Protein backbone atom coordinates (compact mmCIF):
# COMPACT_ATOMS: atom_id res chain seq x y z
CA MET A 1 -0.15 0.29 -0.02
CA ASN A 2 2.98 2.42 0.89
CA ALA A 3 4.64 2.16 -2.83
CA HIS A 4 0.88 3.35 -3.92
CA GLY A 5 1.32 0.43 -6.68
CA MET A 6 4.46 0.89 -7.72
CA PHE A 7 6.00 -3.36 -7.21
CA ARG A 8 2.49 -3.69 -9.00
CA TRP A 9 3.99 -1.70 -12.23
CA VAL A 10 6.78 -3.56 -12.41
CA THR A 11 5.24 -6.48 -12.44
CA CYS A 12 3.07 -5.14 -15.46
CA GLN A 13 6.47 -3.97 -17.12
CA LEU A 14 8.51 -7.42 -16.64
CA TYR A 15 5.26 -8.75 -18.44
CA ALA A 16 5.39 -6.82 -21.43
CA LEU A 17 9.14 -7.25 -21.92
CA GLU A 18 9.05 -10.94 -21.22
CA PRO A 19 8.26 -12.40 -24.99
CA LEU A 20 11.76 -10.01 -25.82
CA LEU A 21 13.88 -12.33 -23.15
CA GLY A 22 16.46 -14.24 -24.23
CA THR A 23 16.67 -12.86 -27.86
CA ARG A 24 19.16 -10.24 -29.39
CA ASP A 25 16.88 -8.06 -31.26
CA HIS A 26 17.85 -4.69 -29.09
CA ASP A 27 15.92 -2.93 -31.39
CA ALA A 28 12.60 -4.39 -30.93
CA LEU A 29 13.34 -3.89 -27.68
CA ARG A 30 14.23 -0.34 -27.06
CA LYS A 31 11.17 -0.21 -28.82
CA THR A 32 9.34 -2.34 -26.61
CA LEU A 33 10.56 -0.50 -23.77
CA LYS A 34 9.86 3.53 -25.20
CA SER A 35 6.15 2.13 -25.32
CA LEU A 36 5.88 0.73 -21.72
CA PRO A 37 3.18 3.24 -19.68
CA ALA A 38 4.87 5.34 -17.65
CA THR A 39 2.54 5.02 -14.59
CA LEU A 40 0.23 2.25 -13.41
CA ASP A 41 -3.15 4.12 -14.40
CA GLU A 42 -1.66 3.88 -17.95
CA THR A 43 -0.34 0.60 -17.82
CA TYR A 44 -3.81 -0.73 -16.59
CA ALA A 45 -5.31 1.33 -19.42
CA ARG A 46 -3.21 -0.10 -21.70
CA ILE A 47 -4.11 -4.04 -21.06
CA ILE A 48 -8.12 -3.23 -21.42
CA ARG A 49 -7.10 -1.34 -24.93
CA ASN A 50 -5.11 -4.72 -25.52
CA THR A 51 -7.62 -6.76 -24.71
CA PRO A 52 -10.28 -8.40 -27.02
CA GLU A 53 -13.27 -6.26 -26.96
CA ALA A 54 -15.20 -9.94 -26.21
CA LEU A 55 -13.32 -9.89 -22.97
CA ARG A 56 -12.86 -6.04 -22.30
CA GLU A 57 -15.17 -5.88 -19.33
CA LYS A 58 -14.26 -9.35 -17.73
CA ALA A 59 -10.48 -7.39 -18.01
CA GLN A 60 -11.72 -4.15 -16.48
CA ARG A 61 -13.66 -5.65 -13.86
CA VAL A 62 -10.29 -7.90 -12.68
CA LEU A 63 -8.30 -4.90 -12.79
CA TYR A 64 -11.16 -3.11 -9.72
CA PHE A 65 -11.33 -6.11 -7.87
CA LEU A 66 -7.02 -5.99 -8.35
CA LEU A 67 -6.74 -2.25 -6.91
CA TYR A 68 -9.21 -3.06 -3.96
CA SER A 69 -7.74 -6.24 -3.14
CA GLU A 70 -5.14 -6.42 0.16
CA ALA A 71 -3.44 -9.56 -1.12
CA PRO A 72 -2.80 -10.74 -4.60
CA LEU A 73 -6.00 -12.55 -6.57
CA LEU A 74 -5.59 -16.21 -7.13
CA ALA A 75 -6.25 -17.47 -10.45
CA GLU A 76 -9.56 -19.34 -9.16
CA GLU A 77 -11.21 -16.02 -7.69
CA ALA A 78 -10.05 -14.29 -10.75
CA SER A 79 -12.11 -16.40 -12.63
CA GLU A 80 -14.93 -16.46 -9.71
CA ILE A 81 -15.03 -12.51 -10.72
CA THR A 82 -15.17 -12.60 -14.65
CA LYS A 83 -18.29 -14.53 -13.42
CA MET A 84 -19.86 -12.08 -11.67
CA ASP A 85 -22.36 -8.97 -12.71
CA VAL A 86 -20.74 -5.84 -11.78
CA ASN A 87 -23.72 -3.37 -10.95
CA ALA A 88 -24.15 -1.07 -7.74
CA VAL A 89 -24.18 -4.03 -5.24
CA ILE A 90 -20.86 -4.77 -6.45
CA VAL A 91 -19.45 -1.53 -6.33
CA ASN A 92 -20.91 -1.23 -2.97
CA ALA A 93 -19.25 -4.27 -1.18
CA GLU A 94 -17.88 -3.19 2.08
CA GLY A 95 -14.83 -4.59 4.28
CA GLY A 96 -11.10 -4.33 4.29
CA HIS A 97 -9.04 -1.14 5.63
CA TYR A 98 -10.98 1.78 3.44
CA GLY A 99 -14.30 0.15 3.98
CA ASN A 100 -15.50 -0.10 0.06
CA ALA A 101 -13.73 0.57 -3.31
CA LEU A 102 -14.65 4.21 -3.45
CA GLN A 103 -12.94 5.31 -0.67
CA ALA A 104 -10.25 3.45 -1.28
CA ALA A 105 -9.52 5.01 -4.84
CA ALA A 106 -10.36 8.20 -3.43
CA PHE A 107 -7.22 8.28 -0.87
CA GLN A 108 -5.38 7.35 -3.55
CA GLY A 109 -6.00 9.72 -5.37
CA TYR A 110 -6.73 7.49 -8.59
CA ALA A 111 -8.85 9.90 -9.92
CA ASN A 112 -10.34 8.53 -13.35
CA ILE A 113 -11.06 4.85 -11.15
CA VAL A 114 -13.78 7.10 -8.63
CA SER A 115 -15.31 8.04 -11.73
CA HIS A 116 -15.82 4.52 -12.99
CA LEU A 117 -17.07 3.66 -9.86
CA LEU A 118 -19.53 6.68 -9.36
CA LYS A 119 -20.43 5.86 -13.32
CA GLY A 120 -20.82 2.34 -12.15
CA GLY A 121 -23.56 3.01 -9.35
CA ALA A 122 -21.47 3.55 -6.31
CA ASN A 123 -22.55 5.67 -3.42
CA VAL A 124 -20.38 8.53 -3.12
CA ASP A 125 -22.13 8.57 0.68
CA ALA A 126 -20.97 5.20 1.87
CA GLN A 127 -20.36 5.06 5.45
CA GLY A 128 -17.26 3.09 6.45
CA GLY A 129 -13.70 2.20 6.42
CA GLN A 130 -11.33 4.36 8.30
CA TYR A 131 -12.31 7.55 6.81
CA LYS A 132 -15.91 7.21 7.48
CA THR A 133 -16.69 8.72 3.67
CA ALA A 134 -14.70 8.73 0.28
CA LEU A 135 -14.55 12.53 0.72
CA ALA A 136 -13.21 12.97 4.03
CA ALA A 137 -10.73 9.99 3.03
CA ALA A 138 -10.26 12.62 -0.42
CA VAL A 139 -10.08 15.75 1.87
CA GLU A 140 -7.37 14.21 4.19
CA ALA A 141 -4.90 12.96 1.20
CA SER A 142 -5.45 16.37 -0.28
CA HIS A 143 -6.16 15.32 -3.52
CA GLU A 144 -7.93 18.43 -4.93
CA ASP A 145 -9.27 16.69 -8.00
CA VAL A 146 -10.75 13.90 -6.31
CA THR A 147 -12.62 16.24 -4.15
CA LYS A 148 -14.00 17.98 -6.92
CA ILE A 149 -15.27 15.05 -8.80
CA LEU A 150 -17.07 13.74 -5.13
CA LEU A 151 -18.73 16.97 -5.09
CA ASN A 152 -19.78 17.30 -8.36
CA TRP A 153 -21.42 14.27 -7.49
CA ASP A 154 -23.30 15.81 -4.38
CA ALA A 155 -21.29 14.33 -1.62
CA ASN A 156 -22.19 15.46 1.87
CA VAL A 157 -20.32 18.10 3.13
CA ASN A 158 -21.96 17.62 6.65
CA ASN A 159 -22.39 14.20 7.26
CA GLY A 160 -20.86 14.51 10.84
CA GLN A 161 -17.17 14.63 10.24
CA ASP A 162 -15.53 18.39 10.05
CA ILE A 163 -13.92 17.53 6.93
CA LEU A 164 -13.58 21.08 6.75
CA LEU A 165 -11.55 21.49 10.40
CA THR A 166 -8.92 18.55 7.72
CA ALA A 167 -8.47 20.89 5.01
CA VAL A 168 -7.55 24.00 7.31
CA LEU A 169 -5.03 21.54 9.19
CA ASN A 170 -3.42 20.62 5.93
CA ARG A 171 -3.83 24.48 4.33
CA LYS A 172 -5.23 23.20 1.48
CA THR A 173 -7.08 26.76 1.01
CA SER A 174 -8.41 25.43 -2.55
CA ILE A 175 -10.19 22.57 -0.89
CA VAL A 176 -11.40 24.83 1.51
CA GLY A 177 -13.05 26.62 -1.38
CA LEU A 178 -14.79 23.79 -2.39
CA LEU A 179 -16.22 23.02 0.34
CA ILE A 180 -17.44 26.23 1.01
CA GLY A 181 -18.66 26.55 -2.28
CA LYS A 182 -21.22 23.21 -1.01
CA SER A 183 -21.95 25.19 2.01
CA ALA A 184 -20.01 23.67 4.51
CA ASN A 185 -20.64 23.77 7.72
CA VAL A 186 -17.75 26.30 9.92
CA SER A 187 -17.29 24.57 12.69
CA ARG A 188 -15.31 26.45 16.09
CA GLU A 189 -12.45 24.33 15.72
CA ALA A 190 -11.96 25.02 11.96
CA PHE A 191 -12.11 28.45 12.41
CA LYS A 192 -10.06 28.47 15.46
CA TRP A 193 -6.95 26.97 13.77
CA ALA A 194 -6.71 28.84 10.99
CA CYS A 195 -6.35 32.14 13.17
CA GLN A 196 -4.11 30.47 14.81
CA ILE A 197 -2.21 29.14 11.54
CA GLY A 198 -2.68 32.80 10.03
CA ASN A 199 -4.60 31.88 6.39
CA LEU A 200 -5.55 35.32 5.72
CA THR A 201 -7.45 33.61 2.51
CA THR A 202 -8.92 30.78 4.25
CA ILE A 203 -9.99 32.95 7.22
CA HIS A 204 -11.61 34.71 4.67
CA LEU A 205 -13.51 31.72 3.11
CA LEU A 206 -14.82 30.53 6.71
CA LEU A 207 -16.05 33.48 7.69
CA LYS A 208 -18.71 33.51 4.41
CA ASN A 209 -20.11 30.44 6.23
CA ILE A 210 -19.96 31.49 9.31
CA GLN A 211 -23.94 32.40 10.79
CA SER A 212 -24.22 36.44 11.26
CA THR A 213 -25.59 35.89 14.66
CA ASP A 214 -22.07 33.79 15.62
CA THR A 215 -19.65 35.93 13.49
CA ILE A 216 -18.83 38.32 16.74
CA ASN A 217 -18.33 35.99 18.89
CA TYR A 218 -16.24 33.41 16.67
CA CYS A 219 -14.14 36.46 15.78
CA SER A 220 -13.79 38.34 19.50
CA LYS A 221 -12.70 34.46 20.70
CA ARG A 222 -9.73 34.24 18.16
CA LEU A 223 -8.53 37.89 18.69
CA HIS A 224 -6.71 36.13 20.98
CA ASP A 225 -4.49 34.10 18.63
CA ALA A 226 -3.92 36.10 16.40
CA CYS A 227 -2.36 39.20 18.48
CA LYS A 228 -0.35 36.71 20.26
CA ARG A 229 1.31 35.03 16.74
CA GLY A 230 1.18 38.94 15.83
CA TYR A 231 -0.76 37.96 12.50
CA TYR A 232 -1.62 42.26 12.15
CA ASP A 233 -3.75 41.31 9.16
CA VAL A 234 -5.83 38.87 11.10
CA VAL A 235 -5.87 40.97 13.44
CA GLN A 236 -7.85 43.73 10.77
CA THR A 237 -9.69 41.44 9.43
CA LEU A 238 -11.44 40.04 12.40
CA ILE A 239 -12.11 43.87 13.99
CA ARG A 240 -13.86 44.15 10.71
CA SER A 241 -15.58 42.01 11.54
CA LYS A 242 -16.88 42.91 14.76
CA ALA A 243 -14.90 41.07 17.24
CA ASN A 244 -15.05 42.60 20.71
CA VAL A 245 -11.54 44.19 21.34
CA ASN A 246 -12.10 44.12 24.71
CA ALA A 247 -13.21 40.02 24.88
CA ARG A 248 -11.61 38.01 27.14
CA ASP A 249 -10.15 34.50 26.98
CA TRP A 250 -10.39 31.24 29.38
CA HIS A 251 -7.14 33.01 31.09
CA GLY A 252 -9.07 36.49 31.84
CA LEU A 253 -6.65 38.00 29.22
CA SER A 254 -7.55 40.89 26.43
CA ALA A 255 -6.29 41.22 23.50
CA LEU A 256 -4.20 43.78 24.12
CA TYR A 257 -2.43 41.98 27.11
CA TYR A 258 -1.39 39.64 24.54
CA ALA A 259 -0.08 42.07 22.26
CA ALA A 260 1.71 44.39 24.89
CA SER A 261 3.52 41.34 26.41
CA HIS A 262 5.26 40.10 23.05
CA ASN A 263 5.64 43.94 21.38
CA HIS A 264 3.48 43.40 18.41
CA VAL A 265 3.60 47.65 17.94
CA LYS A 266 1.59 47.76 14.83
CA ILE A 267 -1.15 45.72 16.22
CA VAL A 268 -1.20 47.53 20.20
CA LYS A 269 -1.84 50.21 18.04
CA LEU A 270 -4.52 49.02 15.82
CA LEU A 271 -6.03 47.56 19.04
CA LEU A 272 -5.88 51.11 20.85
CA GLU A 273 -6.98 52.78 17.56
CA ASN A 274 -10.54 50.37 17.84
CA GLY A 275 -11.05 51.29 21.57
CA ALA A 276 -9.11 48.57 23.12
CA SER A 277 -9.19 49.16 26.95
CA PHE A 278 -5.55 49.87 28.48
CA ASN A 279 -6.01 49.94 32.17
CA GLN A 280 -7.92 46.66 31.52
CA GLU A 281 -6.73 44.56 34.34
CA ASP A 282 -6.66 40.71 33.80
CA GLU A 283 -8.56 38.18 35.85
CA GLU A 284 -6.26 35.65 36.77
CA PHE A 285 -3.10 37.87 37.57
CA GLU A 286 -4.87 41.23 37.75
CA LYS A 287 -1.88 43.02 36.37
CA ASP A 288 -2.77 45.35 33.17
CA PRO A 289 -1.36 45.39 28.94
CA PHE A 290 1.52 47.60 30.68
CA TYR A 291 2.68 46.02 32.96
CA ALA A 292 3.09 42.65 30.86
CA SER A 293 4.62 45.45 27.84
CA CYS A 294 6.91 46.27 31.58
CA THR A 295 8.01 43.15 32.29
CA ASN A 296 8.68 41.60 28.86
CA ARG A 297 10.86 44.66 27.94
CA ALA A 298 8.65 45.31 25.31
CA MET A 299 9.85 48.42 25.18
CA GLU A 300 8.23 50.54 21.75
CA THR A 301 5.20 48.91 23.42
CA MET A 302 5.83 50.42 26.71
CA SER A 303 6.50 54.10 24.95
CA ILE A 304 3.13 53.79 23.27
CA LEU A 305 1.18 52.87 26.42
CA LEU A 306 3.12 55.29 28.78
CA MET A 307 1.76 58.08 26.61
CA LYS A 308 -1.83 56.88 27.18
CA ASP A 309 -0.87 57.37 31.48
CA PRO A 310 -1.26 53.99 32.57
CA ASP A 311 -2.95 53.05 36.16
CA PRO A 312 -0.59 54.54 39.10
CA LEU A 313 -0.59 51.30 40.29
CA PHE A 314 0.44 49.18 37.72
CA PHE A 315 3.43 51.89 36.55
CA ASP A 316 4.84 51.44 40.36
CA GLU A 317 4.67 47.98 40.42
CA ALA A 318 6.73 47.85 36.84
CA LEU A 319 8.73 50.05 38.53
CA GLU A 320 9.65 47.66 41.39
CA SER A 321 9.78 45.05 38.99
CA ALA A 322 12.34 46.28 36.68
CA SER A 323 14.55 47.22 40.09
CA TYR A 324 14.25 43.71 41.11
CA SER A 325 15.33 42.44 37.77
CA ALA A 326 17.91 44.76 36.95
CA ASP A 327 16.27 45.49 33.87
CA ILE A 328 18.23 48.76 33.36
CA GLU A 329 16.97 49.97 30.01
CA VAL A 330 13.01 49.76 31.40
CA LEU A 331 14.12 51.42 34.65
CA GLU A 332 15.11 54.21 32.86
CA LEU A 333 12.35 54.68 30.32
CA LEU A 334 10.01 54.46 33.73
CA LEU A 335 12.06 56.77 35.85
CA LYS A 336 11.98 59.42 32.90
CA THR A 337 8.69 58.92 32.30
CA ALA A 338 8.13 59.83 36.11
CA LYS A 339 10.07 62.85 35.59
CA ARG A 340 8.42 64.00 33.50
CA GLU A 341 4.82 63.35 34.57
CA GLN A 342 6.21 64.37 37.98
CA GLN A 343 4.25 61.03 38.97
CA ASN A 344 6.91 59.59 41.95
CA GLN A 345 8.26 62.28 43.19
CA THR A 346 5.82 62.40 45.72
CA ASN A 347 5.66 59.03 46.25
CA PRO A 348 8.84 58.31 48.42
CA VAL A 349 7.36 54.29 49.03
CA VAL A 350 7.35 53.25 45.83
CA LEU A 351 11.21 54.71 45.24
CA ALA A 352 11.97 52.75 48.46
CA GLN A 353 10.55 49.51 47.50
CA ALA A 354 11.92 49.61 44.21
CA MET A 355 15.54 49.96 46.20
CA TYR A 356 14.44 47.43 48.43
CA ASN A 357 13.90 45.15 45.69
CA ALA A 358 17.35 45.83 43.90
CA ILE A 359 18.85 45.03 46.97
CA LEU A 360 16.88 42.14 47.89
CA SER A 361 18.08 40.21 44.40
CA LEU A 362 21.41 41.61 44.22
CA HIS A 363 20.93 40.60 40.68
CA GLU A 364 24.00 42.08 38.05
CA GLY A 365 24.09 45.29 37.68
CA CYS A 366 22.05 46.23 41.06
CA ASP A 367 24.63 48.82 42.25
CA THR A 368 23.30 50.72 38.83
CA VAL A 369 19.66 49.99 39.65
CA LEU A 370 20.42 52.24 43.37
CA ARG A 371 22.30 55.08 41.43
CA LEU A 372 19.75 55.57 39.22
CA LEU A 373 17.26 55.57 41.89
CA LEU A 374 18.99 57.84 43.92
CA GLN A 375 19.60 60.12 41.51
CA HIS A 376 15.15 60.56 41.01
CA GLY A 377 15.11 61.24 44.71
CA ALA A 378 15.49 57.71 46.10
CA ASP A 379 15.80 58.38 49.74
CA VAL A 380 19.10 56.39 50.74
CA ASP A 381 18.29 56.03 54.57
CA ALA A 382 14.74 54.77 53.81
CA ILE A 383 13.27 52.08 55.33
CA ALA A 384 13.58 48.95 53.33
CA GLY A 385 9.82 47.05 53.07
CA ASP A 386 8.74 44.65 55.02
CA ALA A 387 12.34 43.66 56.40
CA GLY A 388 11.70 45.04 59.76
CA LYS A 389 10.87 47.87 61.81
CA ASN A 390 14.41 50.65 61.43
CA THR A 391 16.15 48.56 59.42
CA THR A 392 17.40 50.77 56.56
CA MET A 393 18.68 50.02 53.00
CA LEU A 394 22.37 49.99 54.47
CA CYS A 395 21.49 47.53 56.95
CA CYS A 396 19.77 44.75 54.53
CA ALA A 397 22.99 45.22 52.06
CA ALA A 398 25.05 44.19 55.34
CA LEU A 399 22.57 41.31 55.94
CA TRP A 400 24.11 39.72 52.81
CA LEU A 401 27.47 40.04 54.03
CA GLN A 402 27.41 36.61 55.79
CA ASP A 403 26.28 34.95 52.58
CA ASP A 404 29.45 33.18 50.83
CA GLU A 405 28.03 34.02 47.16
CA ARG A 406 26.79 37.08 47.63
CA LYS A 407 29.17 38.96 49.91
CA ALA A 408 30.99 40.36 47.34
CA LYS A 409 27.79 41.90 45.33
CA ALA A 410 26.32 43.15 48.69
CA MET A 411 29.77 44.89 49.26
CA VAL A 412 29.18 46.91 45.97
CA VAL A 413 26.16 47.93 46.89
CA ILE A 414 27.13 48.69 50.62
CA GLU A 415 29.80 51.10 48.38
CA VAL A 416 27.45 52.78 46.60
CA LEU A 417 25.17 53.58 49.51
CA LEU A 418 28.16 54.93 51.75
CA GLU A 419 28.80 57.20 48.59
CA HIS A 420 25.48 58.85 48.75
CA HIS A 421 26.06 59.29 52.26
CA ALA A 422 23.78 56.30 53.76
CA ASN A 423 23.48 56.96 57.89
CA VAL A 424 25.83 54.06 59.44
CA ASN A 425 24.25 54.28 62.66
CA LYS A 426 20.73 53.35 62.06
CA GLY A 427 19.88 49.84 63.01
CA HIS A 428 17.89 46.52 62.56
CA THR A 429 15.89 46.15 65.99
CA PHE A 430 17.49 43.34 66.61
CA LEU A 431 20.57 42.99 64.75
CA GLY A 432 21.70 46.25 65.53
CA THR A 433 23.63 48.87 63.30
CA PRO A 434 25.77 48.08 60.26
CA LEU A 435 28.98 47.69 62.36
CA ASN A 436 27.31 44.67 64.57
CA MET A 437 26.55 43.32 61.46
CA ALA A 438 29.79 43.39 59.83
CA MET A 439 31.30 42.63 62.88
CA ARG A 440 29.44 39.11 62.72
CA ALA A 441 30.26 38.76 59.32
CA LYS A 442 34.28 38.62 60.58
CA ASN A 443 34.11 41.90 57.68
CA TYR A 444 37.46 43.45 58.71
CA LYS A 445 37.68 46.18 56.35
CA LEU A 446 34.10 46.98 56.06
CA VAL A 447 34.20 47.52 60.24
CA ASN A 448 36.79 49.72 59.05
CA ILE A 449 35.34 51.83 56.54
CA LEU A 450 32.25 52.20 59.15
CA LEU A 451 34.50 53.38 61.96
CA ALA A 452 36.26 56.08 59.84
CA LYS A 453 32.51 57.54 59.15
CA GLY A 454 31.58 57.72 62.17
CA ALA A 455 30.22 54.59 63.02
CA LYS A 456 29.56 53.81 66.79
CA TRP A 457 29.08 50.49 68.68
CA THR A 458 25.48 49.34 69.74
CA PRO A 459 26.14 46.71 72.53
CA TYR A 460 25.15 43.11 71.59
CA PHE A 461 24.18 40.84 74.61
CA GLY A 462 25.89 43.34 76.45
CA MET A 463 29.63 42.64 74.73
CA CYS A 464 31.51 45.75 73.97
CA MET A 465 33.42 46.09 70.64
CA GLN A 466 36.50 44.76 71.69
CA HIS A 467 35.04 41.62 73.54
CA THR A 468 33.49 41.16 70.29
CA ALA A 469 36.22 41.14 67.71
CA TYR A 470 38.31 38.76 70.96
CA ARG A 471 35.76 36.65 70.27
CA ARG A 472 35.24 36.77 66.65
CA LYS A 473 38.74 36.79 66.51
CA LEU A 474 39.37 40.29 64.27
CA GLU A 475 42.73 40.59 65.03
CA GLU A 476 42.47 44.14 62.68
CA VAL A 477 39.71 45.28 64.78
CA LYS A 478 41.05 44.11 68.20
């Protein structure tokens, strides 16, 4: 079956050459070779032509059964076939992988045999076999010529199978057009996959057969797929077909959220021009398209949405997120906008949280983040988020000194804070001042720096500084 009749064709060729085997008539051999048919269909046609007219009908009958049979015919079986009357009952016989001869011929793409079977009374809508109907088999195998023949014989395009979906998945626009021309029903799955694939011609064809009452619903649900994948023309077509630009998908996300997340700038502009809400919070993550563009580093989209005056809450969260991930480019754009719009200058809590996030993560570039925030008005001695009462940024950084993997970056952060005159005597409620933390971490270098900047010792469990230094074997401090 997988050889598509190649072995049978070779066998027929060898039979034609058999009379010349053993002869030395090279001219006759060359002439015979040139006259051999190029395909199995042509070979069968030649056999029929060369058969005496009185036996031609029986020979044709045997060939039909050869096509349909799953194993070579025995001589006795072929003899029985010649005695049969070829009528509608025979051509509609059931059994085998394909269920009937018509489905087998349709799947293999034998257009001539399909025509013969239909003219001989084959039921065009016969059910059974692997593909249920001949039309489904032809569409599955993408045989456009066979599909045309079956449709011209009024094959049912709406027989319970979604053959239109098969044509869409196979990306066979021409076959989609044939099925639509016969009023094939457009399922949600077929339309969904057409939008996900992004085949604009197929989408236009499907829209012709969608009931007008369903068009808005179909288009609205598929708008998200097109926005996510960046299919501008598809988005434009769906909007023109009255898609709701503010509809949510099953995640509770809007089309603008997807376009903004993937930085599809043209689509973002198109959605905004058609009334998309840029402050629409998603139901699952409780974030808006602007926040999504920031966290996904969609810089062009960020710039567009910043001009739309995003929700201050999401602006602040984006600033804090960029600080944590040390995304300098995003942070610079946000701070530049904040300065222009005078947004965060009266909200020191946001800048303090952003500084705390940078120290908490200690990502590469966190020192640059701190410098940017301090340049834009952040208080170097601000209380560090939820780290505890009276816990300054300097204390938070000093806490990392006991972490062998992070202490080097912590020192860089501490140096930045000291450059900006951080108060060295503000301390943690229970852990003491930065000087106490430096002593516990046995970091004599920082101890000396802090002492030089006027740091004072806070007794730790009643121990003075020298006693602590002795206990921790800090000779340089003693």
